[in-house]
C-alpha atoms as a PDB file:
ATOM      1  CA  UNK A   1     -38.700  19.256  -4.232  1.00  0.00           C
ATOM      2  CA  UNK A   2     -38.859  15.760  -5.670  1.00  0.00           C
ATOM      3  CA  UNK A   3     -36.041  16.488  -8.130  1.00  0.00           C
ATOM      4  CA  UNK A   4     -33.920  18.110  -5.423  1.00  0.00           C
ATOM      5  CA  UNK A   5     -34.410  15.186  -3.048  1.00  0.00           C
ATOM      6  CA  UNK A   6     -33.536  12.675  -5.796  1.00  0.00           C
ATOM      7  CA  UNK A   7     -30.408  14.667  -6.600  1.00  0.00           C
ATOM      8  CA  UNK A   8     -29.359  14.722  -2.936  1.00  0.00           C
ATOM      9  CA  UNK A   9     -30.013  11.001  -2.641  1.00  0.00           C
ATOM     10  CA  UNK A  10     -27.860  10.343  -5.727  1.00  0.00           C
ATOM     11  CA  UNK A  11     -25.010  12.399  -4.239  1.00  0.00           C
ATOM     12  CA  UNK A  12     -25.314  10.525  -0.945  1.00  0.00           C
ATOM     13  CA  UNK A  13     -25.212   7.173  -2.772  1.00  0.00           C
ATOM     14  CA  UNK A  14     -22.086   8.308  -4.671  1.00  0.00           C
ATOM     15  CA  UNK A  15     -20.467   9.304  -1.383  1.00  0.00           C
ATOM     16  CA  UNK A  16     -20.893   5.746  -0.072  1.00  0.00           C
ATOM     17  CA  UNK A  17     -19.403   4.007  -3.151  1.00  0.00           C
ATOM     18  CA  UNK A  18     -16.067   2.287  -2.522  1.00  0.00           C
ATOM     19  CA  UNK A  19     -13.480   3.905  -4.838  1.00  0.00           C
ATOM     20  CA  UNK A  20     -11.312   0.764  -5.167  1.00  0.00           C
ATOM     21  CA  UNK A  21      -8.424   2.176  -3.138  1.00  0.00           C
ATOM     22  CA  UNK A  22      -7.863   3.268   0.454  1.00  0.00           C
ATOM     23  CA  UNK A  23      -7.116   7.011   0.691  1.00  0.00           C
ATOM     24  CA  UNK A  24      -6.589   6.947   4.481  1.00  0.00           C
ATOM     25  CA  UNK A  25      -3.194   8.242   5.591  1.00  0.00           C
ATOM     26  CA  UNK A  26      -2.032   8.731   1.977  1.00  0.00           C
ATOM     27  CA  UNK A  27      -0.437  11.911   0.703  1.00  0.00           C
ATOM     28  CA  UNK A  28       0.321  12.670  -2.936  1.00  0.00           C
ATOM     29  CA  UNK A  29       3.022  15.114  -3.954  1.00  0.00           C
ATOM     30  CA  UNK A  30       3.299  16.274  -7.544  1.00  0.00           C
ATOM     31  CA  UNK A  31       6.580  17.546  -8.930  1.00  0.00           C
ATOM     32  CA  UNK A  32       8.389  17.550 -12.246  1.00  0.00           C
ATOM     33  CA  UNK A  33      11.879  17.653 -13.646  1.00  0.00           C
ATOM     34  CA  UNK A  34      12.524  20.959 -15.406  1.00  0.00           C
ATOM     35  CA  UNK A  35      13.923  20.669 -18.883  1.00  0.00           C
ATOM     36  CA  UNK A  36      17.266  22.427 -19.317  1.00  0.00           C
ATOM     37  CA  UNK A  37      17.824  25.036 -21.990  1.00  0.00           C
ATOM     38  CA  UNK A  38      20.565  22.831 -23.407  1.00  0.00           C
ATOM     39  CA  UNK A  39      19.309  19.251 -24.078  1.00  0.00           C
ATOM     40  CA  UNK A  40      22.890  17.964 -24.104  1.00  0.00           C
ATOM     41  CA  UNK A  41      23.173  19.031 -20.438  1.00  0.00           C
ATOM     42  CA  UNK A  42      20.035  17.133 -19.371  1.00  0.00           C
ATOM     43  CA  UNK A  43      21.263  14.608 -16.803  1.00  0.00           C
ATOM     44  CA  UNK A  44      17.869  12.825 -16.892  1.00  0.00           C
ATOM     45  CA  UNK A  45      17.658  12.502 -20.688  1.00  0.00           C
ATOM     46  CA  UNK A  46      17.048   8.755 -20.723  1.00  0.00           C
ATOM     47  CA  UNK A  47      14.690   6.603 -18.669  1.00  0.00           C
ATOM     48  CA  UNK A  48      17.663   4.753 -17.183  1.00  0.00           C
ATOM     49  CA  UNK A  49      19.151   7.997 -15.889  1.00  0.00           C
ATOM     50  CA  UNK A  50      15.761   9.116 -14.547  1.00  0.00           C
ATOM     51  CA  UNK A  51      15.216   5.779 -12.765  1.00  0.00           C
ATOM     52  CA  UNK A  52      18.337   6.385 -10.651  1.00  0.00           C
ATOM     53  CA  UNK A  53      16.800   9.650  -9.443  1.00  0.00           C
ATOM     54  CA  UNK A  54      13.427   8.029  -8.714  1.00  0.00           C
ATOM     55  CA  UNK A  55      15.026   5.233  -6.693  1.00  0.00           C
ATOM     56  CA  UNK A  56      16.920   7.805  -4.643  1.00  0.00           C
ATOM     57  CA  UNK A  57      13.725   9.823  -4.053  1.00  0.00           C
ATOM     58  CA  UNK A  58      12.006   6.655  -2.808  1.00  0.00           C
ATOM     59  CA  UNK A  59      14.937   5.747  -0.566  1.00  0.00           C
ATOM     60  CA  UNK A  60      15.073   9.191   1.018  1.00  0.00           C
ATOM     61  CA  UNK A  61      11.280   9.453   1.336  1.00  0.00           C
ATOM     62  CA  UNK A  62      11.168   6.237   3.349  1.00  0.00           C
ATOM     63  CA  UNK A  63      13.605   7.711   5.887  1.00  0.00           C
ATOM     64  CA  UNK A  64      11.363  10.714   6.688  1.00  0.00           C
ATOM     65  CA  UNK A  65       9.664  10.667  10.115  1.00  0.00           C
ATOM     66  CA  UNK A  66       6.143   9.244   9.953  1.00  0.00           C
ATOM     67  CA  UNK A  67       6.541   7.742   6.486  1.00  0.00           C
ATOM     68  CA  UNK A  68       5.663   4.052   6.495  1.00  0.00           C
ATOM     69  CA  UNK A  69       5.815   3.420   2.742  1.00  0.00           C
ATOM     70  CA  UNK A  70       6.569   5.423  -0.383  1.00  0.00           C
ATOM     71  CA  UNK A  71       5.735   4.824  -4.025  1.00  0.00           C
ATOM     72  CA  UNK A  72       6.170   6.664  -7.294  1.00  0.00           C
ATOM     73  CA  UNK A  73       3.585   7.112 -10.005  1.00  0.00           C
ATOM     74  CA  UNK A  74       3.186   9.560 -12.811  1.00  0.00           C
ATOM     75  CA  UNK A  75       0.291  11.999 -12.672  1.00  0.00           C
ATOM     76  CA  UNK A  76      -1.938   9.764 -14.774  1.00  0.00           C
ATOM     77  CA  UNK A  77      -1.649   7.049 -12.101  1.00  0.00           C
ATOM     78  CA  UNK A  78      -3.442   9.056  -9.410  1.00  0.00           C
ATOM     79  CA  UNK A  79      -6.816   7.461  -8.646  1.00  0.00           C
ATOM     80  CA  UNK A  80      -9.746   9.586  -9.778  1.00  0.00           C
ATOM     81  CA  UNK A  81      -7.343  11.869 -11.617  1.00  0.00           C
ATOM     82  CA  UNK A  82      -8.349  13.402 -14.902  1.00  0.00           C
ATOM     83  CA  UNK A  83      -5.067  13.202 -16.769  1.00  0.00           C
ATOM     84  CA  UNK A  84      -4.587  11.295 -19.980  1.00  0.00           C
ATOM     85  CA  UNK A  85      -1.398   9.280 -20.356  1.00  0.00           C
ATOM     86  CA  UNK A  86       1.159  10.508 -22.842  1.00  0.00           C
ATOM     87  CA  UNK A  87       2.968   8.022 -25.080  1.00  0.00           C
ATOM     88  CA  UNK A  88       6.123   6.974 -23.238  1.00  0.00           C
ATOM     89  CA  UNK A  89       9.119   4.979 -24.433  1.00  0.00           C
ATOM     90  CA  UNK A  90       9.135   1.343 -23.327  1.00  0.00           C
ATOM     91  CA  UNK A  91      12.516   0.744 -21.749  1.00  0.00           C
ATOM     92  CA  UNK A  92      13.876  -2.707 -21.007  1.00  0.00           C
ATOM     93  CA  UNK A  93      16.319  -2.989 -18.117  1.00  0.00           C
ATOM     94  CA  UNK A  94      19.900  -3.069 -19.297  1.00  0.00           C
ATOM     95  CA  UNK A  95      19.120  -2.111 -22.909  1.00  0.00           C
ATOM     96  CA  UNK A  96      19.856   1.513 -23.762  1.00  0.00           C
ATOM     97  CA  UNK A  97      17.884   3.083 -26.628  1.00  0.00           C
ATOM     98  CA  UNK A  98      17.276   6.624 -27.747  1.00  0.00           C
ATOM     99  CA  UNK A  99      13.734   7.853 -27.032  1.00  0.00           C
ATOM    100  CA  UNK A 100      12.832   8.120 -30.722  1.00  0.00           C
ATOM    101  CA  UNK A 101      13.863   4.475 -31.358  1.00  0.00           C
ATOM    102  CA  UNK A 102      12.069   2.803 -28.447  1.00  0.00           C
ATOM    103  CA  UNK A 103       8.543   1.410 -28.799  1.00  0.00           C
ATOM    104  CA  UNK A 104       5.982   3.575 -26.978  1.00  0.00           C
ATOM    105  CA  UNK A 105       3.197   2.766 -24.538  1.00  0.00           C
ATOM    106  CA  UNK A 106       0.287   4.905 -23.340  1.00  0.00           C
ATOM    107  CA  UNK A 107      -0.084   3.800 -19.754  1.00  0.00           C
ATOM    108  CA  UNK A 108       0.500   5.181 -16.268  1.00  0.00           C
ATOM    109  CA  UNK A 109       3.837   4.278 -14.729  1.00  0.00           C
ATOM    110  CA  UNK A 110       4.073   3.229 -11.066  1.00  0.00           C
ATOM    111  CA  UNK A 111       6.623   1.659  -8.758  1.00  0.00           C
ATOM    112  CA  UNK A 112       6.052  -1.903  -7.484  1.00  0.00           C
ATOM    113  CA  UNK A 113       4.755  -0.810  -4.051  1.00  0.00           C
ATOM    114  CA  UNK A 114       2.155   1.605  -5.471  1.00  0.00           C
ATOM    115  CA  UNK A 115      -0.834  -0.764  -5.373  1.00  0.00           C
ATOM    116  CA  UNK A 116      -0.036  -2.125  -1.905  1.00  0.00           C
ATOM    117  CA  UNK A 117       0.332   1.425  -0.573  1.00  0.00           C
ATOM    118  CA  UNK A 118      -3.119   2.402  -1.825  1.00  0.00           C
ATOM    119  CA  UNK A 119      -4.698  -0.845  -0.645  1.00  0.00           C
ATOM    120  CA  UNK A 120      -5.635  -1.963  -4.158  1.00  0.00           C
ATOM    121  CA  UNK A 121      -6.112  -5.732  -4.128  1.00  0.00           C
ATOM    122  CA  UNK A 122      -4.573  -7.918  -6.795  1.00  0.00           C
ATOM    123  CA  UNK A 123      -7.445  -9.729  -8.504  1.00  0.00           C
ATOM    124  CA  UNK A 124      -5.322 -11.973 -10.720  1.00  0.00           C
ATOM    125  CA  UNK A 125      -1.802 -12.296 -12.005  1.00  0.00           C
ATOM    126  CA  UNK A 126       1.226 -11.447  -9.914  1.00  0.00           C
ATOM    127  CA  UNK A 127       2.477  -8.224  -8.354  1.00  0.00           C
ATOM    128  CA  UNK A 128       5.221  -6.127  -9.929  1.00  0.00           C
ATOM    129  CA  UNK A 129       8.733  -6.869  -8.757  1.00  0.00           C
ATOM    130  CA  UNK A 130      11.549  -4.423  -8.306  1.00  0.00           C
ATOM    131  CA  UNK A 131      14.256  -4.904 -10.962  1.00  0.00           C
ATOM    132  CA  UNK A 132      17.567  -6.208  -9.712  1.00  0.00           C
ATOM    133  CA  UNK A 133      20.288  -3.521  -9.466  1.00  0.00           C
END
């Protein structure tokens, strides 16, 4: 009984811990871009081409009824997720490189409004800014 009550108390204490983000009124949707059978036909082959699609998804998502804000993040960016980031090419705006020539990073990728949407406070530094078109 003592062990069971201590276990229940530990679970209750974990339930009260602040997770560092505000999950209220937030919905996450996971999707992916299918790879074509012919890599030369892949219209999202480079990060620059994919960013055009992501900006359009954000623009259209913000026009849906009831949507106040929209953000994009890869699956490793979801709070309390259990995914490990894959090495991704580091792309600088306006500089086109092939994926095998770009330096790689192992970090989640998010859009500038991601942290504000989840209510994650900025502790130091400055917030991300949207690149100029």
